[in-house]
Amino acid sequence: PPLARKIYAGADLFLMPSKSEPCGLAQMVACRYGTIPIVRETGGLKDTVQPYEAWRDAGNGFTFANYASGDMLYVVREAVYLYKDYPDAFGRLRQRAMECDFSWDVSAKSYEGLYNETANLW
């Protein structure tokens, strides 16, 4: 764990090109440390990493849909370009990533809302 924390804290980008991922915790840890995740849109990775959108300065990482090296490389280059050429925008992205709340409180409220919605249908 101490070495892992140093790696997360010392990195700027975190690549997780999983073919399948039921949940994934590493991308959430990366966000907490301000290490921007680059993930393939699958399972929990798609649920937790919102793609960067320059036009509205939103998102908390970078994503790609196809399990293809060319698609991954394109997104990696996009992330490096933002880091290198637009440090202010990258800093805002990093701040949003660190502010993500992946706690059980968020999930519990979501489930509570679904439960109430379903209960009101009866």
PDB file of N, CA and C in Angstrom:
ATOM      1  N   PRO A   1       0.787  -1.230   0.000  1.00  0.00           N
ATOM      2  CA  PRO A   1       0.000   0.000   0.000  1.00  0.00           C
ATOM      3  C   PRO A   1       0.826   1.291   0.000  1.00  0.00           C
ATOM      4  N   PRO A   2       1.933   1.382   0.759  1.00  0.00           N
ATOM      5  CA  PRO A   2       2.694   2.635   0.721  1.00  0.00           C
ATOM      6  C   PRO A   2       3.271   2.924  -0.671  1.00  0.00           C
ATOM      7  N   LEU A   3       3.767   1.893  -1.345  1.00  0.00           N
ATOM      8  CA  LEU A   3       4.307   2.088  -2.689  1.00  0.00           C
ATOM      9  C   LEU A   3       3.196   2.473  -3.664  1.00  0.00           C
ATOM     10  N   ALA A   4       2.049   1.812  -3.553  1.00  0.00           N
ATOM     11  CA  ALA A   4       0.908   2.129  -4.428  1.00  0.00           C
ATOM     12  C   ALA A   4       0.500   3.585  -4.266  1.00  0.00           C
ATOM     13  N   ARG A   5       0.442   4.054  -3.025  1.00  0.00           N
ATOM     14  CA  ARG A   5       0.069   5.458  -2.787  1.00  0.00           C
ATOM     15  C   ARG A   5       1.070   6.410  -3.435  1.00  0.00           C
ATOM     16  N   LYS A   6       2.343   6.076  -3.366  1.00  0.00           N
ATOM     17  CA  LYS A   6       3.371   6.929  -3.985  1.00  0.00           C
ATOM     18  C   LYS A   6       3.230   6.942  -5.503  1.00  0.00           C
ATOM     19  N   ILE A   7       2.897   5.798  -6.073  1.00  0.00           N
ATOM     20  CA  ILE A   7       2.723   5.729  -7.536  1.00  0.00           C
ATOM     21  C   ILE A   7       1.518   6.560  -7.960  1.00  0.00           C
ATOM     22  N   TYR A   8       0.392   6.384  -7.271  1.00  0.00           N
ATOM     23  CA  TYR A   8      -0.800   7.184  -7.594  1.00  0.00           C
ATOM     24  C   TYR A   8      -0.503   8.668  -7.440  1.00  0.00           C
ATOM     25  N   ALA A   9       0.135   9.035  -6.351  1.00  0.00           N
ATOM     26  CA  ALA A   9       0.387  10.449  -6.062  1.00  0.00           C
ATOM     27  C   ALA A   9       1.399  11.059  -7.016  1.00  0.00           C
ATOM     28  N   GLY A  10       2.306  10.258  -7.538  1.00  0.00           N
ATOM     29  CA  GLY A  10       3.353  10.787  -8.411  1.00  0.00           C
ATOM     30  C   GLY A  10       3.012  10.796  -9.885  1.00  0.00           C
ATOM     31  N   ALA A  11       1.901  10.184 -10.247  1.00  0.00           N
ATOM     32  CA  ALA A  11       1.524  10.094 -11.660  1.00  0.00           C
ATOM     33  C   ALA A  11       0.569  11.225 -12.041  1.00  0.00           C
ATOM     34  N   ASP A  12       0.533  11.534 -13.314  1.00  0.00           N
ATOM     35  CA  ASP A  12      -0.411  12.525 -13.833  1.00  0.00           C
ATOM     36  C   ASP A  12      -1.592  11.855 -14.531  1.00  0.00           C
ATOM     37  N   LEU A  13      -1.338  10.706 -15.143  1.00  0.00           N
ATOM     38  CA  LEU A  13      -2.374   9.967 -15.867  1.00  0.00           C
ATOM     39  C   LEU A  13      -2.341   8.508 -15.442  1.00  0.00           C
ATOM     40  N   PHE A  14      -3.511   7.867 -15.446  1.00  0.00           N
ATOM     41  CA  PHE A  14      -3.639   6.470 -15.048  1.00  0.00           C
ATOM     42  C   PHE A  14      -4.380   5.725 -16.146  1.00  0.00           C
ATOM     43  N   LEU A  15      -3.718   4.775 -16.793  1.00  0.00           N
ATOM     44  CA  LEU A  15      -4.309   4.033 -17.903  1.00  0.00           C
ATOM     45  C   LEU A  15      -4.878   2.706 -17.403  1.00  0.00           C
ATOM     46  N   MET A  16      -6.163   2.479 -17.676  1.00  0.00           N
ATOM     47  CA  MET A  16      -6.844   1.243 -17.285  1.00  0.00           C
ATOM     48  C   MET A  16      -7.702   0.770 -18.468  1.00  0.00           C
ATOM     49  N   PRO A  17      -7.062   0.099 -19.442  1.00  0.00           N
ATOM     50  CA  PRO A  17      -7.776  -0.307 -20.665  1.00  0.00           C
ATOM     51  C   PRO A  17      -8.432  -1.683 -20.552  1.00  0.00           C
ATOM     52  N   SER A  18      -9.183  -1.919 -19.508  1.00  0.00           N
ATOM     53  CA  SER A  18      -9.781  -3.234 -19.240  1.00  0.00           C
ATOM     54  C   SER A  18     -10.738  -3.665 -20.346  1.00  0.00           C
ATOM     55  N   LYS A  19     -10.685  -4.948 -20.670  1.00  0.00           N
ATOM     56  CA  LYS A  19     -11.649  -5.499 -21.618  1.00  0.00           C
ATOM     57  C   LYS A  19     -13.008  -5.630 -20.939  1.00  0.00           C
ATOM     58  N   SER A  20     -12.998  -6.055 -19.667  1.00  0.00           N
ATOM     59  CA  SER A  20     -14.212  -6.067 -18.862  1.00  0.00           C
ATOM     60  C   SER A  20     -13.815  -5.710 -17.435  1.00  0.00           C
ATOM     61  N   GLU A  21     -14.711  -5.075 -16.736  1.00  0.00           N
ATOM     62  CA  GLU A  21     -14.422  -4.608 -15.375  1.00  0.00           C
ATOM     63  C   GLU A  21     -15.742  -4.434 -14.643  1.00  0.00           C
ATOM     64  N   PRO A  22     -16.109  -5.387 -13.795  1.00  0.00           N
ATOM     65  CA  PRO A  22     -17.394  -5.283 -13.113  1.00  0.00           C
ATOM     66  C   PRO A  22     -17.527  -4.025 -12.257  1.00  0.00           C
ATOM     67  N   CYS A  23     -16.473  -3.624 -11.621  1.00  0.00           N
ATOM     68  CA  CYS A  23     -16.545  -2.439 -10.763  1.00  0.00           C
ATOM     69  C   CYS A  23     -15.318  -1.562 -10.990  1.00  0.00           C
ATOM     70  N   GLY A  24     -14.195  -2.001 -10.512  1.00  0.00           N
ATOM     71  CA  GLY A  24     -12.974  -1.222 -10.626  1.00  0.00           C
ATOM     72  C   GLY A  24     -12.856  -0.217  -9.501  1.00  0.00           C
ATOM     73  N   LEU A  25     -11.788  -0.313  -8.778  1.00  0.00           N
ATOM     74  CA  LEU A  25     -11.514   0.644  -7.713  1.00  0.00           C
ATOM     75  C   LEU A  25     -10.344   1.553  -8.071  1.00  0.00           C
ATOM     76  N   ALA A  26      -9.446   1.048  -8.893  1.00  0.00           N
ATOM     77  CA  ALA A  26      -8.216   1.783  -9.194  1.00  0.00           C
ATOM     78  C   ALA A  26      -8.494   3.159  -9.793  1.00  0.00           C
ATOM     79  N   GLN A  27      -9.493   3.272 -10.661  1.00  0.00           N
ATOM     80  CA  GLN A  27      -9.803   4.567 -11.268  1.00  0.00           C
ATOM     81  C   GLN A  27     -10.319   5.547 -10.227  1.00  0.00           C
ATOM     82  N   MET A  28     -11.022   5.028  -9.207  1.00  0.00           N
ATOM     83  CA  MET A  28     -11.529   5.895  -8.142  1.00  0.00           C
ATOM     84  C   MET A  28     -10.387   6.365  -7.246  1.00  0.00           C
ATOM     85  N   VAL A  29      -9.452   5.480  -6.972  1.00  0.00           N
ATOM     86  CA  VAL A  29      -8.272   5.856  -6.185  1.00  0.00           C
ATOM     87  C   VAL A  29      -7.462   6.895  -6.959  1.00  0.00           C
ATOM     88  N   ALA A  30      -7.305   6.662  -8.263  1.00  0.00           N
ATOM     89  CA  ALA A  30      -6.565   7.621  -9.095  1.00  0.00           C
ATOM     90  C   ALA A  30      -7.200   9.004  -9.014  1.00  0.00           C
ATOM     91  N   CYS A  31      -8.506   9.065  -9.115  1.00  0.00           N
ATOM     92  CA  CYS A  31      -9.201  10.358  -9.024  1.00  0.00           C
ATOM     93  C   CYS A  31      -8.898  11.041  -7.694  1.00  0.00           C
ATOM     94  N   ARG A  32      -8.959  10.291  -6.617  1.00  0.00           N
ATOM     95  CA  ARG A  32      -8.719  10.853  -5.287  1.00  0.00           C
ATOM     96  C   ARG A  32      -7.336  11.499  -5.210  1.00  0.00           C
ATOM     97  N   TYR A  33      -6.358  10.896  -5.898  1.00  0.00           N
ATOM     98  CA  TYR A  33      -4.998  11.417  -5.884  1.00  0.00           C
ATOM     99  C   TYR A  33      -4.754  12.480  -6.958  1.00  0.00           C
ATOM    100  N   GLY A  34      -5.753  12.775  -7.759  1.00  0.00           N
ATOM    101  CA  GLY A  34      -5.579  13.767  -8.807  1.00  0.00           C
ATOM    102  C   GLY A  34      -4.856  13.222 -10.021  1.00  0.00           C
ATOM    103  N   THR A  35      -4.853  11.906 -10.142  1.00  0.00           N
ATOM    104  CA  THR A  35      -4.244  11.237 -11.289  1.00  0.00           C
ATOM    105  C   THR A  35      -5.380  10.925 -12.254  1.00  0.00           C
ATOM    106  N   ILE A  36      -5.353  11.554 -13.416  1.00  0.00           N
ATOM    107  CA  ILE A  36      -6.488  11.485 -14.341  1.00  0.00           C
ATOM    108  C   ILE A  36      -6.592  10.102 -14.981  1.00  0.00           C
ATOM    109  N   PRO A  37      -7.751   9.435 -14.810  1.00  0.00           N
ATOM    110  CA  PRO A  37      -7.916   8.110 -15.396  1.00  0.00           C
ATOM    111  C   PRO A  37      -8.220   8.163 -16.893  1.00  0.00           C
ATOM    112  N   ILE A  38      -7.634   7.218 -17.591  1.00  0.00           N
ATOM    113  CA  ILE A  38      -7.943   6.962 -18.994  1.00  0.00           C
ATOM    114  C   ILE A  38      -8.436   5.526 -19.021  1.00  0.00           C
ATOM    115  N   VAL A  39      -9.720   5.331 -19.321  1.00  0.00           N
ATOM    116  CA  VAL A  39     -10.316   4.000 -19.206  1.00  0.00           C
ATOM    117  C   VAL A  39     -11.114   3.639 -20.453  1.00  0.00           C
ATOM    118  N   ARG A  40     -11.267   2.323 -20.650  1.00  0.00           N
ATOM    119  CA  ARG A  40     -12.192   1.856 -21.678  1.00  0.00           C
ATOM    120  C   ARG A  40     -13.585   1.826 -21.065  1.00  0.00           C
ATOM    121  N   GLU A  41     -14.562   2.225 -21.831  1.00  0.00           N
ATOM    122  CA  GLU A  41     -15.943   2.322 -21.351  1.00  0.00           C
ATOM    123  C   GLU A  41     -16.545   0.934 -21.189  1.00  0.00           C
ATOM    124  N   THR A  42     -16.371   0.380 -19.993  1.00  0.00           N
ATOM    125  CA  THR A  42     -16.945  -0.918 -19.671  1.00  0.00           C
ATOM    126  C   THR A  42     -17.264  -0.979 -18.189  1.00  0.00           C
ATOM    127  N   GLY A  43     -18.350  -1.624 -17.837  1.00  0.00           N
ATOM    128  CA  GLY A  43     -18.715  -1.849 -16.446  1.00  0.00           C
ATOM    129  C   GLY A  43     -18.623  -0.618 -15.565  1.00  0.00           C
ATOM    130  N   GLY A  44     -17.984  -0.815 -14.413  1.00  0.00           N
ATOM    131  CA  GLY A  44     -17.844   0.253 -13.440  1.00  0.00           C
ATOM    132  C   GLY A  44     -16.970   1.401 -13.901  1.00  0.00           C
ATOM    133  N   LEU A  45     -16.094   1.134 -14.852  1.00  0.00           N
ATOM    134  CA  LEU A  45     -15.252   2.219 -15.374  1.00  0.00           C
ATOM    135  C   LEU A  45     -16.116   3.252 -16.083  1.00  0.00           C
ATOM    136  N   LYS A  46     -17.058   2.764 -16.872  1.00  0.00           N
ATOM    137  CA  LYS A  46     -17.971   3.676 -17.578  1.00  0.00           C
ATOM    138  C   LYS A  46     -18.865   4.428 -16.595  1.00  0.00           C
ATOM    139  N   ASP A  47     -19.213   3.764 -15.487  1.00  0.00           N
ATOM    140  CA  ASP A  47     -20.082   4.386 -14.489  1.00  0.00           C
ATOM    141  C   ASP A  47     -19.387   5.488 -13.698  1.00  0.00           C
ATOM    142  N   THR A  48     -18.081   5.383 -13.523  1.00  0.00           N
ATOM    143  CA  THR A  48     -17.372   6.306 -12.628  1.00  0.00           C
ATOM    144  C   THR A  48     -16.511   7.352 -13.325  1.00  0.00           C
ATOM    145  N   VAL A  49     -16.134   7.106 -14.570  1.00  0.00           N
ATOM    146  CA  VAL A  49     -15.290   8.073 -15.285  1.00  0.00           C
ATOM    147  C   VAL A  49     -16.121   8.737 -16.380  1.00  0.00           C
ATOM    148  N   GLN A  50     -16.328  10.026 -16.218  1.00  0.00           N
ATOM    149  CA  GLN A  50     -17.072  10.814 -17.197  1.00  0.00           C
ATOM    150  C   GLN A  50     -16.061  11.447 -18.156  1.00  0.00           C
ATOM    151  N   PRO A  51     -16.244  11.279 -19.457  1.00  0.00           N
ATOM    152  CA  PRO A  51     -15.249  11.768 -20.411  1.00  0.00           C
ATOM    153  C   PRO A  51     -15.085  13.293 -20.379  1.00  0.00           C
ATOM    154  N   TYR A  52     -13.842  13.714 -20.541  1.00  0.00           N
ATOM    155  CA  TYR A  52     -13.522  15.142 -20.595  1.00  0.00           C
ATOM    156  C   TYR A  52     -14.189  15.756 -21.820  1.00  0.00           C
ATOM    157  N   GLU A  53     -14.842  16.893 -21.607  1.00  0.00           N
ATOM    158  CA  GLU A  53     -15.475  17.643 -22.692  1.00  0.00           C
ATOM    159  C   GLU A  53     -14.945  19.064 -22.622  1.00  0.00           C
ATOM    160  N   ALA A  54     -14.073  19.397 -23.543  1.00  0.00           N
ATOM    161  CA  ALA A  54     -13.429  20.716 -23.543  1.00  0.00           C
ATOM    162  C   ALA A  54     -14.450  21.833 -23.735  1.00  0.00           C
ATOM    163  N   TRP A  55     -15.442  21.607 -24.581  1.00  0.00           N
ATOM    164  CA  TRP A  55     -16.388  22.661 -24.932  1.00  0.00           C
ATOM    165  C   TRP A  55     -17.201  23.149 -23.742  1.00  0.00           C
ATOM    166  N   ARG A  56     -17.376  22.294 -22.720  1.00  0.00           N
ATOM    167  CA  ARG A  56     -18.085  22.765 -21.533  1.00  0.00           C
ATOM    168  C   ARG A  56     -17.279  22.578 -20.252  1.00  0.00           C
ATOM    169  N   ASP A  57     -15.989  22.267 -20.430  1.00  0.00           N
ATOM    170  CA  ASP A  57     -15.060  22.113 -19.305  1.00  0.00           C
ATOM    171  C   ASP A  57     -15.653  21.174 -18.261  1.00  0.00           C
ATOM    172  N   ALA A  58     -15.944  19.948 -18.684  1.00  0.00           N
ATOM    173  CA  ALA A  58     -16.592  18.969 -17.812  1.00  0.00           C
ATOM    174  C   ALA A  58     -15.886  17.625 -17.914  1.00  0.00           C
ATOM    175  N   GLY A  59     -16.241  16.723 -17.030  1.00  0.00           N
ATOM    176  CA  GLY A  59     -15.686  15.381 -17.009  1.00  0.00           C
ATOM    177  C   GLY A  59     -14.639  15.223 -15.919  1.00  0.00           C
ATOM    178  N   ASN A  60     -14.252  13.965 -15.678  1.00  0.00           N
ATOM    179  CA  ASN A  60     -13.228  13.694 -14.677  1.00  0.00           C
ATOM    180  C   ASN A  60     -12.142  12.753 -15.179  1.00  0.00           C
ATOM    181  N   GLY A  61     -12.132  12.500 -16.487  1.00  0.00           N
ATOM    182  CA  GLY A  61     -11.111  11.629 -17.067  1.00  0.00           C
ATOM    183  C   GLY A  61     -11.289  11.519 -18.561  1.00  0.00           C
ATOM    184  N   PHE A  62     -10.681  10.497 -19.130  1.00  0.00           N
ATOM    185  CA  PHE A  62     -10.762  10.256 -20.570  1.00  0.00           C
ATOM    186  C   PHE A  62     -11.234   8.827 -20.785  1.00  0.00           C
ATOM    187  N   THR A  63     -12.058   8.622 -21.807  1.00  0.00           N
ATOM    188  CA  THR A  63     -12.593   7.295 -22.080  1.00  0.00           C
ATOM    189  C   THR A  63     -12.521   6.972 -23.561  1.00  0.00           C
ATOM    190  N   PHE A  64     -12.546   5.672 -23.853  1.00  0.00           N
ATOM    191  CA  PHE A  64     -12.674   5.206 -25.240  1.00  0.00           C
ATOM    192  C   PHE A  64     -13.558   3.972 -25.224  1.00  0.00           C
ATOM    193  N   ALA A  65     -14.348   3.789 -26.280  1.00  0.00           N
ATOM    194  CA  ALA A  65     -15.365   2.738 -26.286  1.00  0.00           C
ATOM    195  C   ALA A  65     -14.866   1.403 -26.829  1.00  0.00           C
ATOM    196  N   ASN A  66     -14.180   1.416 -27.923  1.00  0.00           N
ATOM    197  CA  ASN A  66     -13.770   0.167 -28.577  1.00  0.00           C
ATOM    198  C   ASN A  66     -12.510  -0.404 -27.948  1.00  0.00           C
ATOM    199  N   TYR A  67     -12.459  -1.720 -27.838  1.00  0.00           N
ATOM    200  CA  TYR A  67     -11.276  -2.390 -27.324  1.00  0.00           C
ATOM    201  C   TYR A  67     -10.280  -2.519 -28.476  1.00  0.00           C
ATOM    202  N   ALA A  68      -9.684  -1.375 -28.818  1.00  0.00           N
ATOM    203  CA  ALA A  68      -8.769  -1.304 -29.961  1.00  0.00           C
ATOM    204  C   ALA A  68      -7.609  -0.374 -29.616  1.00  0.00           C
ATOM    205  N   SER A  69      -6.412  -0.806 -29.963  1.00  0.00           N
ATOM    206  CA  SER A  69      -5.219  -0.035 -29.605  1.00  0.00           C
ATOM    207  C   SER A  69      -5.224   1.361 -30.227  1.00  0.00           C
ATOM    208  N   GLY A  70      -5.739   1.483 -31.438  1.00  0.00           N
ATOM    209  CA  GLY A  70      -5.785   2.787 -32.093  1.00  0.00           C
ATOM    210  C   GLY A  70      -6.673   3.775 -31.354  1.00  0.00           C
ATOM    211  N   ASP A  71      -7.811   3.297 -30.873  1.00  0.00           N
ATOM    212  CA  ASP A  71      -8.729   4.150 -30.113  1.00  0.00           C
ATOM    213  C   ASP A  71      -8.101   4.568 -28.788  1.00  0.00           C
ATOM    214  N   MET A  72      -7.429   3.606 -28.141  1.00  0.00           N
ATOM    215  CA  MET A  72      -6.764   3.918 -26.881  1.00  0.00           C
ATOM    216  C   MET A  72      -5.659   4.953 -27.101  1.00  0.00           C
ATOM    217  N   LEU A  73      -4.847   4.750 -28.122  1.00  0.00           N
ATOM    218  CA  LEU A  73      -3.754   5.673 -28.402  1.00  0.00           C
ATOM    219  C   LEU A  73      -4.269   7.075 -28.695  1.00  0.00           C
ATOM    220  N   TYR A  74      -5.366   7.169 -29.420  1.00  0.00           N
ATOM    221  CA  TYR A  74      -5.952   8.468 -29.730  1.00  0.00           C
ATOM    222  C   TYR A  74      -6.298   9.229 -28.445  1.00  0.00           C
ATOM    223  N   VAL A  75      -6.936   8.532 -27.499  1.00  0.00           N
ATOM    224  CA  VAL A  75      -7.351   9.171 -26.255  1.00  0.00           C
ATOM    225  C   VAL A  75      -6.146   9.495 -25.371  1.00  0.00           C
ATOM    226  N   VAL A  76      -5.147   8.619 -25.348  1.00  0.00           N
ATOM    227  CA  VAL A  76      -3.920   8.902 -24.592  1.00  0.00           C
ATOM    228  C   VAL A  76      -3.272  10.174 -25.135  1.00  0.00           C
ATOM    229  N   ARG A  77      -3.213  10.297 -26.444  1.00  0.00           N
ATOM    230  CA  ARG A  77      -2.632  11.509 -27.057  1.00  0.00           C
ATOM    231  C   ARG A  77      -3.456  12.749 -26.698  1.00  0.00           C
ATOM    232  N   GLU A  78      -4.772  12.609 -26.670  1.00  0.00           N
ATOM    233  CA  GLU A  78      -5.649  13.711 -26.285  1.00  0.00           C
ATOM    234  C   GLU A  78      -5.336  14.172 -24.854  1.00  0.00           C
ATOM    235  N   ALA A  79      -5.167  13.220 -23.958  1.00  0.00           N
ATOM    236  CA  ALA A  79      -4.877  13.525 -22.553  1.00  0.00           C
ATOM    237  C   ALA A  79      -3.513  14.201 -22.411  1.00  0.00           C
ATOM    238  N   VAL A  80      -2.524  13.683 -23.109  1.00  0.00           N
ATOM    239  CA  VAL A  80      -1.173  14.258 -23.037  1.00  0.00           C
ATOM    240  C   VAL A  80      -1.171  15.663 -23.635  1.00  0.00           C
ATOM    241  N   TYR A  81      -1.912  15.859 -24.714  1.00  0.00           N
ATOM    242  CA  TYR A  81      -2.023  17.180 -25.340  1.00  0.00           C
ATOM    243  C   TYR A  81      -2.608  18.191 -24.358  1.00  0.00           C
ATOM    244  N   LEU A  82      -3.682  17.797 -23.655  1.00  0.00           N
ATOM    245  CA  LEU A  82      -4.284  18.696 -22.679  1.00  0.00           C
ATOM    246  C   LEU A  82      -3.283  19.008 -21.566  1.00  0.00           C
ATOM    247  N   TYR A  83      -2.611  17.988 -21.067  1.00  0.00           N
ATOM    248  CA  TYR A  83      -1.627  18.157 -19.991  1.00  0.00           C
ATOM    249  C   TYR A  83      -0.498  19.101 -20.409  1.00  0.00           C
ATOM    250  N   LYS A  84      -0.001  18.898 -21.609  1.00  0.00           N
ATOM    251  CA  LYS A  84       1.163  19.648 -22.097  1.00  0.00           C
ATOM    252  C   LYS A  84       0.811  21.060 -22.549  1.00  0.00           C
ATOM    253  N   ASP A  85      -0.254  21.197 -23.310  1.00  0.00           N
ATOM    254  CA  ASP A  85      -0.557  22.482 -23.952  1.00  0.00           C
ATOM    255  C   ASP A  85      -1.596  23.340 -23.226  1.00  0.00           C
ATOM    256  N   TYR A  86      -2.365  22.752 -22.354  1.00  0.00           N
ATOM    257  CA  TYR A  86      -3.404  23.499 -21.641  1.00  0.00           C
ATOM    258  C   TYR A  86      -3.379  23.174 -20.147  1.00  0.00           C
ATOM    259  N   PRO A  87      -2.319  23.561 -19.461  1.00  0.00           N
ATOM    260  CA  PRO A  87      -2.178  23.200 -18.045  1.00  0.00           C
ATOM    261  C   PRO A  87      -3.307  23.730 -17.158  1.00  0.00           C
ATOM    262  N   ASP A  88      -3.868  24.869 -17.489  1.00  0.00           N
ATOM    263  CA  ASP A  88      -4.975  25.389 -16.674  1.00  0.00           C
ATOM    264  C   ASP A  88      -6.206  24.487 -16.784  1.00  0.00           C
ATOM    265  N   ALA A  89      -6.535  24.079 -18.007  1.00  0.00           N
ATOM    266  CA  ALA A  89      -7.674  23.184 -18.223  1.00  0.00           C
ATOM    267  C   ALA A  89      -7.401  21.831 -17.567  1.00  0.00           C
ATOM    268  N   PHE A  90      -6.166  21.355 -17.657  1.00  0.00           N
ATOM    269  CA  PHE A  90      -5.814  20.089 -17.024  1.00  0.00           C
ATOM    270  C   PHE A  90      -5.936  20.206 -15.506  1.00  0.00           C
ATOM    271  N   GLY A  91      -5.556  21.334 -14.970  1.00  0.00           N
ATOM    272  CA  GLY A  91      -5.682  21.562 -13.528  1.00  0.00           C
ATOM    273  C   GLY A  91      -7.128  21.535 -13.072  1.00  0.00           C
ATOM    274  N   ARG A  92      -8.026  22.116 -13.873  1.00  0.00           N
ATOM    275  CA  ARG A  92      -9.455  22.075 -13.525  1.00  0.00           C
ATOM    276  C   ARG A  92      -9.990  20.642 -13.596  1.00  0.00           C
ATOM    277  N   LEU A  93      -9.534  19.902 -14.612  1.00  0.00           N
ATOM    278  CA  LEU A  93      -9.915  18.498 -14.737  1.00  0.00           C
ATOM    279  C   LEU A  93      -9.438  17.715 -13.513  1.00  0.00           C
ATOM    280  N   ARG A  94      -8.213  17.942 -13.117  1.00  0.00           N
ATOM    281  CA  ARG A  94      -7.642  17.280 -11.942  1.00  0.00           C
ATOM    282  C   ARG A  94      -8.459  17.617 -10.682  1.00  0.00           C
ATOM    283  N   GLN A  95      -8.843  18.864 -10.546  1.00  0.00           N
ATOM    284  CA  GLN A  95      -9.630  19.286  -9.381  1.00  0.00           C
ATOM    285  C   GLN A  95     -10.984  18.583  -9.359  1.00  0.00           C
ATOM    286  N   ARG A  96     -11.641  18.504 -10.523  1.00  0.00           N
ATOM    287  CA  ARG A  96     -12.938  17.813 -10.592  1.00  0.00           C
ATOM    288  C   ARG A  96     -12.781  16.339 -10.221  1.00  0.00           C
ATOM    289  N   ALA A  97     -11.705  15.721 -10.702  1.00  0.00           N
ATOM    290  CA  ALA A  97     -11.471  14.308 -10.389  1.00  0.00           C
ATOM    291  C   ALA A  97     -11.306  14.110  -8.886  1.00  0.00           C
ATOM    292  N   MET A  98     -10.556  14.994  -8.242  1.00  0.00           N
ATOM    293  CA  MET A  98     -10.322  14.858  -6.805  1.00  0.00           C
ATOM    294  C   MET A  98     -11.587  15.117  -5.992  1.00  0.00           C
ATOM    295  N   GLU A  99     -12.512  15.867  -6.540  1.00  0.00           N
ATOM    296  CA  GLU A  99     -13.758  16.188  -5.830  1.00  0.00           C
ATOM    297  C   GLU A  99     -14.849  15.137  -6.017  1.00  0.00           C
ATOM    298  N   CYS A 100     -14.607  14.122  -6.849  1.00  0.00           N
ATOM    299  CA  CYS A 100     -15.610  13.075  -7.063  1.00  0.00           C
ATOM    300  C   CYS A 100     -15.919  12.367  -5.753  1.00  0.00           C
ATOM    301  N   ASP A 101     -17.189  12.096  -5.552  1.00  0.00           N
ATOM    302  CA  ASP A 101     -17.631  11.398  -4.349  1.00  0.00           C
ATOM    303  C   ASP A 101     -18.109  10.005  -4.749  1.00  0.00           C
ATOM    304  N   PHE A 102     -17.281   9.007  -4.487  1.00  0.00           N
ATOM    305  CA  PHE A 102     -17.624   7.627  -4.804  1.00  0.00           C
ATOM    306  C   PHE A 102     -18.068   6.870  -3.552  1.00  0.00           C
ATOM    307  N   SER A 103     -18.487   7.597  -2.545  1.00  0.00           N
ATOM    308  CA  SER A 103     -18.852   6.968  -1.268  1.00  0.00           C
ATOM    309  C   SER A 103     -20.173   6.209  -1.383  1.00  0.00           C
ATOM    310  N   TRP A 104     -20.425   5.371  -0.373  1.00  0.00           N
ATOM    311  CA  TRP A 104     -21.674   4.631  -0.315  1.00  0.00           C
ATOM    312  C   TRP A 104     -22.861   5.554  -0.118  1.00  0.00           C
ATOM    313  N   ASP A 105     -22.624   6.735   0.438  1.00  0.00           N
ATOM    314  CA  ASP A 105     -23.725   7.686   0.630  1.00  0.00           C
ATOM    315  C   ASP A 105     -24.390   8.028  -0.702  1.00  0.00           C
ATOM    316  N   VAL A 106     -23.586   8.239  -1.723  1.00  0.00           N
ATOM    317  CA  VAL A 106     -24.106   8.581  -3.048  1.00  0.00           C
ATOM    318  C   VAL A 106     -24.910   7.407  -3.605  1.00  0.00           C
ATOM    319  N   SER A 107     -24.343   6.202  -3.515  1.00  0.00           N
ATOM    320  CA  SER A 107     -25.045   5.011  -4.018  1.00  0.00           C
ATOM    321  C   SER A 107     -26.338   4.778  -3.247  1.00  0.00           C
ATOM    322  N   ALA A 108     -26.289   4.929  -1.937  1.00  0.00           N
ATOM    323  CA  ALA A 108     -27.476   4.706  -1.109  1.00  0.00           C
ATOM    324  C   ALA A 108     -28.591   5.675  -1.484  1.00  0.00           C
ATOM    325  N   LYS A 109     -28.258   6.940  -1.717  1.00  0.00           N
ATOM    326  CA  LYS A 109     -29.274   7.930  -2.098  1.00  0.00           C
ATOM    327  C   LYS A 109     -29.874   7.585  -3.455  1.00  0.00           C
ATOM    328  N   SER A 110     -29.041   7.085  -4.362  1.00  0.00           N
ATOM    329  CA  SER A 110     -29.527   6.695  -5.675  1.00  0.00           C
ATOM    330  C   SER A 110     -30.506   5.523  -5.564  1.00  0.00           C
ATOM    331  N   TYR A 111     -30.126   4.520  -4.771  1.00  0.00           N
ATOM    332  CA  TYR A 111     -31.018   3.375  -4.562  1.00  0.00           C
ATOM    333  C   TYR A 111     -32.302   3.795  -3.857  1.00  0.00           C
ATOM    334  N   GLU A 112     -32.194   4.686  -2.906  1.00  0.00           N
ATOM    335  CA  GLU A 112     -33.366   5.173  -2.197  1.00  0.00           C
ATOM    336  C   GLU A 112     -34.327   5.861  -3.174  1.00  0.00           C
ATOM    337  N   GLY A 113     -33.756   6.656  -4.086  1.00  0.00           N
ATOM    338  CA  GLY A 113     -34.582   7.319  -5.096  1.00  0.00           C
ATOM    339  C   GLY A 113     -35.283   6.321  -5.997  1.00  0.00           C
ATOM    340  N   LEU A 114     -34.564   5.276  -6.429  1.00  0.00           N
ATOM    341  CA  LEU A 114     -35.172   4.240  -7.263  1.00  0.00           C
ATOM    342  C   LEU A 114     -36.276   3.502  -6.501  1.00  0.00           C
ATOM    343  N   TYR A 115     -36.019   3.202  -5.245  1.00  0.00           N
ATOM    344  CA  TYR A 115     -37.010   2.529  -4.414  1.00  0.00           C
ATOM    345  C   TYR A 115     -38.270   3.377  -4.273  1.00  0.00           C
ATOM    346  N   ASN A 116     -38.100   4.649  -3.969  1.00  0.00           N
ATOM    347  CA  ASN A 116     -39.251   5.541  -3.811  1.00  0.00           C
ATOM    348  C   ASN A 116     -40.022   5.679  -5.120  1.00  0.00           C
ATOM    349  N   GLU A 117     -39.280   5.751  -6.211  1.00  0.00           N
ATOM    350  CA  GLU A 117     -39.923   5.863  -7.530  1.00  0.00           C
ATOM    351  C   GLU A 117     -40.769   4.616  -7.799  1.00  0.00           C
ATOM    352  N   THR A 118     -40.201   3.451  -7.504  1.00  0.00           N
ATOM    353  CA  THR A 118     -40.904   2.190  -7.735  1.00  0.00           C
ATOM    354  C   THR A 118     -42.102   2.081  -6.784  1.00  0.00           C
ATOM    355  N   ALA A 119     -41.925   2.442  -5.537  1.00  0.00           N
ATOM    356  CA  ALA A 119     -43.007   2.364  -4.543  1.00  0.00           C
ATOM    357  C   ALA A 119     -44.176   3.266  -4.950  1.00  0.00           C
ATOM    358  N   ASN A 120     -43.892   4.380  -5.581  1.00  0.00           N
ATOM    359  CA  ASN A 120     -44.950   5.314  -5.982  1.00  0.00           C
ATOM    360  C   ASN A 120     -45.728   4.823  -7.199  1.00  0.00           C
ATOM    361  N   LEU A 121     -45.203   3.821  -7.893  1.00  0.00           N
ATOM    362  CA  LEU A 121     -45.905   3.262  -9.040  1.00  0.00           C
ATOM    363  C   LEU A 121     -47.066   2.381  -8.618  1.00  0.00           C
ATOM    364  N   TRP A 122     -46.994   1.850  -7.414  1.00  0.00           N
ATOM    365  CA  TRP A 122     -48.031   0.929  -6.919  1.00  0.00           C
ATOM    366  C   TRP A 122     -49.132   1.748  -6.396  1.00  0.00           C
TER     367      TRP A 122
END
